[in-house]
Amino acid sequence: MKKLLFISFFIIGCNSSNKNDSIVVEKKAIVVNSKSKNVLYEIDKEIISNPKSPNVYLKRALYYQNKRDFTSALEDINRALSITPDISFLKYHKAAILYELAVFNQDVSLIDESKIYLDNCIKEDSEIIPARLLRAKIFLFEKKTEQAMKLANQVLKIDKRIAEAYFIKGMIYHFLGNSDLASSSYQTAIEVDPNYFDAYIHMGMISENLGNDIAIDYYNSAIEINSSSIEAYRNKGLYYHFNENYLEARKAFKFIIRIDSNFEETYFNIGNTFLGEFNVLNNNSTLDSALFYYQKANSINSFYVQAIHNIGICYEIKKDLKRAKSFYKKAIEIDNNYIPSFKALNSLD
């Protein structure tokens, strides 16, 4: 059973120890259905009838931004700015598109460009709220918490009913490790906007870190707001898993399969629940189930190092040391800094 200590878990959370020097996002293909085509057709008709209006190009830019077609979105926001170059709100929208494109393409240089437009907006317009909120988020990304807090407070001086400003303050306190103030800010965001999904998720994470079962209530509230949220079900499942409630964990993870049947992490996490059960029950059927789900995760993503490593664990428990070694070596071939597989191999030599 000693090898179970090397089981690898993939967790996404938010705390003061997270690395904030990288941008991570799941890239999704742009899907345009017939309804979307009709919306675009109507916007195009507006542009043809009023080609000198910046508003119609902004409208189409926002449409493309929502569809993650950032190239087309930038083209249209630039058209709007060419007509009215001094409108702060248009500059904000260009900054927002650049920011989302930066996240989508993992390109920090685009964030630098976004910052230029945001700083101009804030300088030109003493009451523009969206630009201050986005700039505060970027300051937090850069670990510049004082500047981020200053902007969040500026927004609240303009309008005390901006839930996102309280949420950003919560993230700042969360990053700084002050759970009490973070919770207070997230709770205020929820009071201002009872449907603030992200605030429930973050309240759940704080409660989880404190070992408080109310975390499940927050995750369930988030699910009620957005029943197709992978994040809420994943956090709920991981909470149950780490509290050794493997059955409830699997239930949560299996909801994710309904949302996205190709999300490989879900199969990996289900495999972990079965391996956790094996550690308790020593039942070979649970070990076979764990192996099945790890292999499923690996079939979706052939470079899934954690799944490959855990396949090795299953074979090692089965006393098939030759196969176990082959999977540990495969994991190391993909990531030559993957310590769990190095340790596992060394223990077998």
Protein backbone atom coordinates (compact mmCIF):
# COMPACT_ATOMS: atom_id res chain seq x y z
CA MET A 1 0.00 0.00 0.00
CA LYS A 2 2.98 2.29 0.37
CA LYS A 3 2.95 3.17 -3.33
CA LEU A 4 -0.44 4.84 -2.95
CA LEU A 5 1.43 7.78 -1.49
CA PHE A 6 2.65 8.51 -5.00
CA ILE A 7 -0.83 8.84 -6.52
CA SER A 8 -0.91 12.04 -8.52
CA PHE A 9 -3.83 14.47 -8.30
CA PHE A 10 -4.70 17.29 -10.65
CA ILE A 11 -6.33 20.12 -8.73
CA ILE A 12 -7.31 23.61 -9.82
CA GLY A 13 -7.85 26.07 -7.02
CA CYS A 14 -7.01 29.53 -5.82
CA ASN A 15 -4.75 30.24 -2.89
CA SER A 16 -1.72 32.28 -2.01
CA SER A 17 0.70 29.60 -3.14
CA ASN A 18 -0.62 29.35 -6.69
CA LYS A 19 1.71 30.26 -9.50
CA ASN A 20 0.38 33.43 -11.06
CA ASP A 21 3.06 33.75 -13.72
CA SER A 22 1.20 31.63 -16.26
CA ILE A 23 -2.19 31.83 -17.90
CA VAL A 24 -4.20 28.68 -18.21
CA VAL A 25 -7.40 28.24 -20.14
CA GLU A 26 -9.07 25.39 -21.96
CA LYS A 27 -9.25 26.19 -25.66
CA LYS A 28 -12.62 25.41 -27.15
CA ALA A 29 -13.52 25.30 -30.81
CA ILE A 30 -15.80 28.09 -32.01
CA VAL A 31 -19.27 26.73 -32.64
CA VAL A 32 -21.70 28.81 -34.68
CA ASN A 33 -25.23 27.40 -34.83
CA SER A 34 -28.11 28.56 -37.00
CA LYS A 35 -29.31 30.97 -34.32
CA SER A 36 -25.85 32.56 -34.17
CA LYS A 37 -25.83 32.93 -37.93
CA ASN A 38 -29.16 34.74 -37.78
CA VAL A 39 -27.84 37.13 -35.12
CA LEU A 40 -24.77 37.87 -37.21
CA TYR A 41 -26.93 38.38 -40.30
CA GLU A 42 -29.02 40.99 -38.48
CA ILE A 43 -25.89 42.80 -37.25
CA ASP A 44 -24.45 42.82 -40.77
CA LYS A 45 -27.70 44.36 -42.04
CA GLU A 46 -27.34 47.14 -39.45
CA ILE A 47 -23.78 47.82 -40.59
CA ILE A 48 -24.85 48.03 -44.24
CA SER A 49 -27.61 50.48 -43.38
CA ASN A 50 -25.42 52.60 -41.09
CA PRO A 51 -21.73 52.04 -41.97
CA LYS A 52 -20.47 55.18 -40.20
CA SER A 53 -21.81 54.26 -36.77
CA PRO A 54 -19.23 52.96 -34.29
CA ASN A 55 -22.00 51.27 -32.32
CA VAL A 56 -22.76 48.66 -34.98
CA TYR A 57 -19.10 47.67 -35.26
CA LEU A 58 -18.90 47.44 -31.47
CA LYS A 59 -21.98 45.23 -31.51
CA ARG A 60 -20.37 42.87 -34.02
CA ALA A 61 -17.05 42.97 -32.14
CA LEU A 62 -18.84 41.83 -28.97
CA TYR A 63 -20.58 39.09 -30.94
CA TYR A 64 -17.23 37.79 -32.21
CA GLN A 65 -15.66 38.16 -28.76
CA ASN A 66 -18.42 35.99 -27.29
CA LYS A 67 -17.69 33.38 -29.98
CA ARG A 68 -13.95 33.58 -29.22
CA ASP A 69 -13.23 34.76 -32.74
CA PHE A 70 -10.85 37.37 -31.40
CA THR A 71 -9.27 38.26 -34.74
CA SER A 72 -12.62 39.34 -36.15
CA ALA A 73 -13.50 41.06 -32.87
CA LEU A 74 -10.31 43.15 -33.01
CA GLU A 75 -10.95 44.09 -36.63
CA ASP A 76 -14.39 45.43 -35.76
CA ILE A 77 -13.38 47.26 -32.59
CA ASN A 78 -10.60 48.89 -34.60
CA ARG A 79 -13.20 49.99 -37.17
CA ALA A 80 -15.26 51.53 -34.38
CA LEU A 81 -12.20 53.32 -32.99
CA SER A 82 -11.27 54.63 -36.44
CA ILE A 83 -14.65 56.40 -36.53
CA THR A 84 -14.54 57.73 -32.94
CA PRO A 85 -10.98 57.34 -31.61
CA ASP A 86 -11.50 59.31 -28.39
CA ILE A 87 -14.28 57.24 -26.81
CA SER A 88 -12.95 55.66 -23.62
CA PHE A 89 -15.51 52.89 -23.57
CA LEU A 90 -14.41 51.66 -27.01
CA LYS A 91 -10.82 51.61 -25.77
CA TYR A 92 -11.96 49.51 -22.83
CA HIS A 93 -13.58 46.98 -25.14
CA LYS A 94 -10.42 46.73 -27.21
CA ALA A 95 -8.45 46.15 -24.01
CA ALA A 96 -10.93 43.44 -22.93
CA ILE A 97 -10.65 41.66 -26.28
CA LEU A 98 -6.85 41.83 -26.12
CA TYR A 99 -6.93 40.43 -22.59
CA GLU A 100 -9.13 37.48 -23.55
CA LEU A 101 -6.97 36.82 -26.59
CA ALA A 102 -3.88 36.88 -24.35
CA VAL A 103 -5.44 34.24 -22.13
CA PHE A 104 -6.62 32.18 -25.10
CA ASN A 105 -3.22 32.26 -26.83
CA GLN A 106 -1.10 32.20 -23.66
CA ASP A 107 0.53 35.44 -24.85
CA VAL A 108 1.52 37.79 -22.05
CA SER A 109 2.62 40.46 -24.53
CA LEU A 110 -1.04 41.02 -25.43
CA ILE A 111 -1.76 41.78 -21.78
CA ASP A 112 0.86 44.53 -21.95
CA GLU A 113 -1.00 46.00 -24.91
CA SER A 114 -4.29 45.69 -23.07
CA LYS A 115 -2.83 47.58 -20.11
CA ILE A 116 -1.98 50.56 -22.31
CA TYR A 117 -5.60 50.95 -23.39
CA LEU A 118 -6.90 50.43 -19.85
CA ASP A 119 -4.54 53.01 -18.38
CA ASN A 120 -5.66 55.52 -21.01
CA CYS A 121 -9.31 54.80 -20.21
CA ILE A 122 -8.79 55.30 -16.49
CA LYS A 123 -6.83 58.50 -17.06
CA GLU A 124 -9.44 59.93 -19.42
CA ASP A 125 -12.59 58.86 -17.55
CA SER A 126 -12.71 59.28 -13.78
CA GLU A 127 -15.84 57.12 -13.48
CA ILE A 128 -15.31 54.29 -15.95
CA ILE A 129 -15.90 51.09 -13.98
CA PRO A 130 -15.21 48.13 -16.33
CA ALA A 131 -11.71 49.39 -17.18
CA ARG A 132 -10.84 49.71 -13.49
CA LEU A 133 -12.12 46.22 -12.74
CA LEU A 134 -10.12 44.60 -15.53
CA ARG A 135 -7.00 46.59 -14.67
CA ALA A 136 -7.36 45.48 -11.04
CA LYS A 137 -7.47 41.84 -12.19
CA ILE A 138 -4.31 42.35 -14.21
CA PHE A 139 -2.57 43.99 -11.24
CA LEU A 140 -3.48 40.92 -9.17
CA PHE A 141 -2.16 38.67 -11.94
CA GLU A 142 1.09 40.65 -11.63
CA LYS A 143 0.99 40.22 -7.81
CA LYS A 144 0.63 43.99 -7.39
CA THR A 145 -1.98 43.74 -4.69
CA GLU A 146 -1.88 47.34 -3.48
CA GLN A 147 -2.60 48.71 -6.95
CA ALA A 148 -5.35 46.14 -7.46
CA MET A 149 -6.99 47.03 -4.14
CA LYS A 150 -6.78 50.75 -4.91
CA LEU A 151 -8.73 50.29 -8.15
CA ALA A 152 -11.33 48.00 -6.55
CA ASN A 153 -11.93 50.62 -3.88
CA GLN A 154 -12.15 53.35 -6.53
CA VAL A 155 -14.94 51.39 -8.19
CA LEU A 156 -16.82 51.06 -4.90
CA LYS A 157 -16.56 54.81 -4.33
CA ILE A 158 -18.22 55.28 -7.71
CA ASP A 159 -20.88 52.62 -7.04
CA LYS A 160 -21.14 50.52 -3.87
CA ARG A 161 -23.36 47.97 -5.64
CA ILE A 162 -20.69 46.52 -7.92
CA ALA A 163 -20.41 42.88 -6.88
CA GLU A 164 -17.31 42.26 -8.98
CA ALA A 165 -15.35 44.88 -7.04
CA TYR A 166 -16.03 43.01 -3.78
CA PHE A 167 -15.12 39.77 -5.50
CA ILE A 168 -11.77 41.20 -6.66
CA LYS A 169 -11.09 42.40 -3.11
CA GLY A 170 -11.83 38.87 -1.98
CA MET A 171 -9.33 37.46 -4.47
CA ILE A 172 -6.69 39.92 -3.25
CA TYR A 173 -7.20 38.93 0.39
CA HIS A 174 -7.33 35.28 -0.66
CA PHE A 175 -4.01 35.66 -2.47
CA LEU A 176 -2.52 37.34 0.61
CA GLY A 177 -3.69 34.45 2.79
CA ASN A 178 -6.25 36.41 4.80
CA SER A 179 -9.19 33.99 4.76
CA ASP A 180 -11.39 36.07 7.07
CA LEU A 181 -11.28 39.22 4.95
CA ALA A 182 -11.50 37.17 1.74
CA SER A 183 -14.64 35.43 3.02
CA SER A 184 -16.14 38.74 4.06
CA SER A 185 -15.57 40.24 0.61
CA TYR A 186 -16.91 37.19 -1.24
CA GLN A 187 -19.95 37.16 1.03
CA THR A 188 -20.59 40.83 0.30
CA ALA A 189 -20.37 40.09 -3.42
CA ILE A 190 -23.04 37.41 -2.94
CA GLU A 191 -25.22 39.81 -0.94
CA VAL A 192 -25.00 42.35 -3.74
CA ASP A 193 -25.56 39.72 -6.43
CA PRO A 194 -27.06 36.44 -5.12
CA ASN A 195 -26.29 34.79 -8.47
CA TYR A 196 -22.56 35.57 -8.43
CA PHE A 197 -21.26 32.14 -9.43
CA ASP A 198 -17.54 32.76 -8.89
CA ALA A 199 -18.08 34.08 -5.36
CA TYR A 200 -19.76 30.81 -4.34
CA ILE A 201 -16.88 28.82 -5.86
CA HIS A 202 -14.29 30.84 -3.95
CA MET A 203 -16.28 30.66 -0.72
CA GLY A 204 -16.32 26.91 -1.20
CA MET A 205 -12.56 26.79 -1.63
CA ILE A 206 -11.94 28.88 1.48
CA SER A 207 -14.33 26.74 3.51
CA GLU A 208 -12.61 23.62 2.17
CA ASN A 209 -9.18 24.92 3.17
CA LEU A 210 -10.56 25.51 6.67
CA GLY A 211 -11.96 21.98 6.82
CA ASN A 212 -15.54 23.25 6.94
CA ASP A 213 -18.25 21.01 5.41
CA ILE A 214 -20.20 24.11 4.37
CA ALA A 215 -17.95 24.04 1.29
CA ILE A 216 -20.38 21.55 -0.27
CA ASP A 217 -23.27 24.00 0.25
CA TYR A 218 -21.36 26.69 -1.63
CA TYR A 219 -20.52 24.31 -4.49
CA ASN A 220 -24.16 23.21 -4.65
CA SER A 221 -25.26 26.85 -4.77
CA ALA A 222 -22.87 27.41 -7.67
CA ILE A 223 -24.35 24.39 -9.46
CA GLU A 224 -27.86 25.75 -8.97
CA ILE A 225 -26.73 28.96 -10.69
CA ASN A 226 -24.92 27.13 -13.50
CA SER A 227 -25.77 23.45 -13.80
CA SER A 228 -23.34 23.01 -16.70
CA SER A 229 -20.31 24.19 -14.71
CA ILE A 230 -17.45 21.72 -14.82
CA GLU A 231 -15.59 23.72 -12.16
CA ALA A 232 -18.34 23.43 -9.55
CA TYR A 233 -18.77 19.68 -9.98
CA ARG A 234 -15.00 19.16 -10.04
CA ASN A 235 -14.46 21.11 -6.81
CA LYS A 236 -17.35 19.24 -5.19
CA GLY A 237 -15.94 15.89 -6.30
CA LEU A 238 -12.45 16.68 -5.11
CA TYR A 239 -13.77 17.81 -1.74
CA TYR A 240 -15.57 14.51 -1.28
CA HIS A 241 -12.53 12.58 -2.52
CA PHE A 242 -10.08 14.14 -0.09
CA ASN A 243 -12.56 13.45 2.69
CA GLU A 244 -12.63 9.80 1.57
CA ASN A 245 -16.27 9.89 0.52
CA TYR A 246 -15.49 8.17 -2.76
CA LEU A 247 -19.05 7.32 -3.75
CA GLU A 248 -20.23 10.95 -3.57
CA ALA A 249 -17.04 12.05 -5.31
CA ARG A 250 -17.79 9.74 -8.25
CA LYS A 251 -21.34 11.04 -8.48
CA ALA A 252 -20.04 14.59 -8.83
CA PHE A 253 -17.39 13.62 -11.38
CA LYS A 254 -19.88 11.64 -13.47
CA PHE A 255 -22.02 14.75 -13.87
CA ILE A 256 -19.01 16.27 -15.65
CA ILE A 257 -19.04 13.43 -18.18
CA ARG A 258 -22.59 14.48 -19.09
CA ILE A 259 -21.32 18.01 -19.70
CA ASP A 260 -18.14 17.04 -21.57
CA SER A 261 -17.51 13.36 -22.26
CA ASN A 262 -14.00 14.12 -23.56
CA PHE A 263 -12.74 15.93 -20.47
CA GLU A 264 -9.89 13.59 -19.60
CA GLU A 265 -9.31 14.89 -16.08
CA THR A 266 -12.72 13.60 -15.04
CA TYR A 267 -11.85 10.01 -15.89
CA PHE A 268 -8.55 10.43 -14.07
CA ASN A 269 -10.34 11.70 -10.96
CA ILE A 270 -12.84 8.83 -11.09
CA GLY A 271 -9.89 6.46 -11.29
CA ASN A 272 -8.49 8.07 -8.15
CA THR A 273 -11.73 7.40 -6.27
CA PHE A 274 -11.49 3.71 -7.09
CA LEU A 275 -7.82 3.57 -6.14
CA GLY A 276 -8.71 5.30 -2.88
CA GLU A 277 -11.36 2.66 -2.24
CA PHE A 278 -8.86 -0.09 -2.98
CA ASN A 279 -6.56 1.37 -0.36
CA VAL A 280 -9.39 0.97 2.16
CA LEU A 281 -11.11 -2.22 0.99
CA ASN A 282 -8.29 -4.08 -0.78
CA ASN A 283 -10.85 -5.19 -3.36
CA ASN A 284 -9.45 -6.20 -6.75
CA SER A 285 -12.56 -5.08 -8.62
CA THR A 286 -12.00 -1.50 -7.47
CA LEU A 287 -8.40 -1.71 -8.66
CA ASP A 288 -9.60 -2.91 -12.09
CA SER A 289 -12.05 0.00 -12.20
CA ALA A 290 -9.26 2.45 -11.36
CA LEU A 291 -7.13 1.02 -14.15
CA PHE A 292 -10.03 1.28 -16.60
CA TYR A 293 -10.60 4.98 -15.91
CA TYR A 294 -6.89 5.86 -16.01
CA GLN A 295 -6.63 4.13 -19.37
CA LYS A 296 -9.69 6.05 -20.57
CA ALA A 297 -8.05 9.34 -19.56
CA ASN A 298 -4.85 8.30 -21.30
CA SER A 299 -6.75 7.31 -24.46
CA ILE A 300 -8.17 10.83 -24.68
CA ASN A 301 -4.82 12.47 -23.90
CA SER A 302 -1.79 10.32 -24.74
CA PHE A 303 0.47 12.80 -22.89
CA TYR A 304 -1.44 12.68 -19.62
CA VAL A 305 1.54 12.06 -17.34
CA GLN A 306 -0.43 11.70 -14.11
CA ALA A 307 -2.75 9.09 -15.62
CA ILE A 308 0.17 7.16 -17.10
CA HIS A 309 1.92 7.16 -13.73
CA ASN A 310 -1.19 5.90 -11.95
CA ILE A 311 -1.59 3.12 -14.52
CA GLY A 312 1.88 2.11 -13.43
CA ILE A 313 0.74 2.09 -9.80
CA CYS A 314 -2.15 -0.23 -10.65
CA TYR A 315 0.16 -2.70 -12.38
CA GLU A 316 2.64 -2.52 -9.53
CA ILE A 317 -0.10 -3.41 -7.05
CA LYS A 318 -1.06 -6.28 -9.35
CA LYS A 319 2.60 -7.47 -9.10
CA ASP A 320 3.06 -6.92 -12.85
CA LEU A 321 6.33 -5.08 -12.29
CA LYS A 322 7.43 -5.19 -15.91
CA ARG A 323 4.35 -3.28 -17.05
CA ALA A 324 4.54 -0.97 -14.05
CA LYS A 325 8.10 0.01 -14.93
CA SER A 326 7.15 0.57 -18.57
CA PHE A 327 4.47 3.08 -17.60
CA TYR A 328 6.71 4.87 -15.11
CA LYS A 329 9.34 5.16 -17.85
CA LYS A 330 6.71 6.40 -20.30
CA ALA A 331 5.70 9.13 -17.86
CA ILE A 332 9.33 10.19 -17.49
CA GLU A 333 9.79 10.23 -21.28
CA ILE A 334 6.98 12.76 -21.51
CA ASP A 335 8.08 14.77 -18.47
CA ASN A 336 11.66 14.09 -17.41
CA ASN A 337 11.07 16.07 -14.21
CA TYR A 338 8.14 13.98 -13.02
CA ILE A 339 9.34 13.03 -9.55
CA PRO A 340 6.63 10.46 -8.59
CA SER A 341 7.63 8.18 -11.46
CA PHE A 342 11.35 8.56 -10.66
CA LYS A 343 10.65 7.58 -7.05
CA ALA A 344 8.50 4.64 -8.10
CA LEU A 345 11.18 3.33 -10.48
CA ASN A 346 13.90 3.71 -7.89
CA SER A 347 11.87 1.77 -5.35
CA LEU A 348 11.53 -1.12 -7.81
CA ASP A 349 15.25 -1.32 -8.71
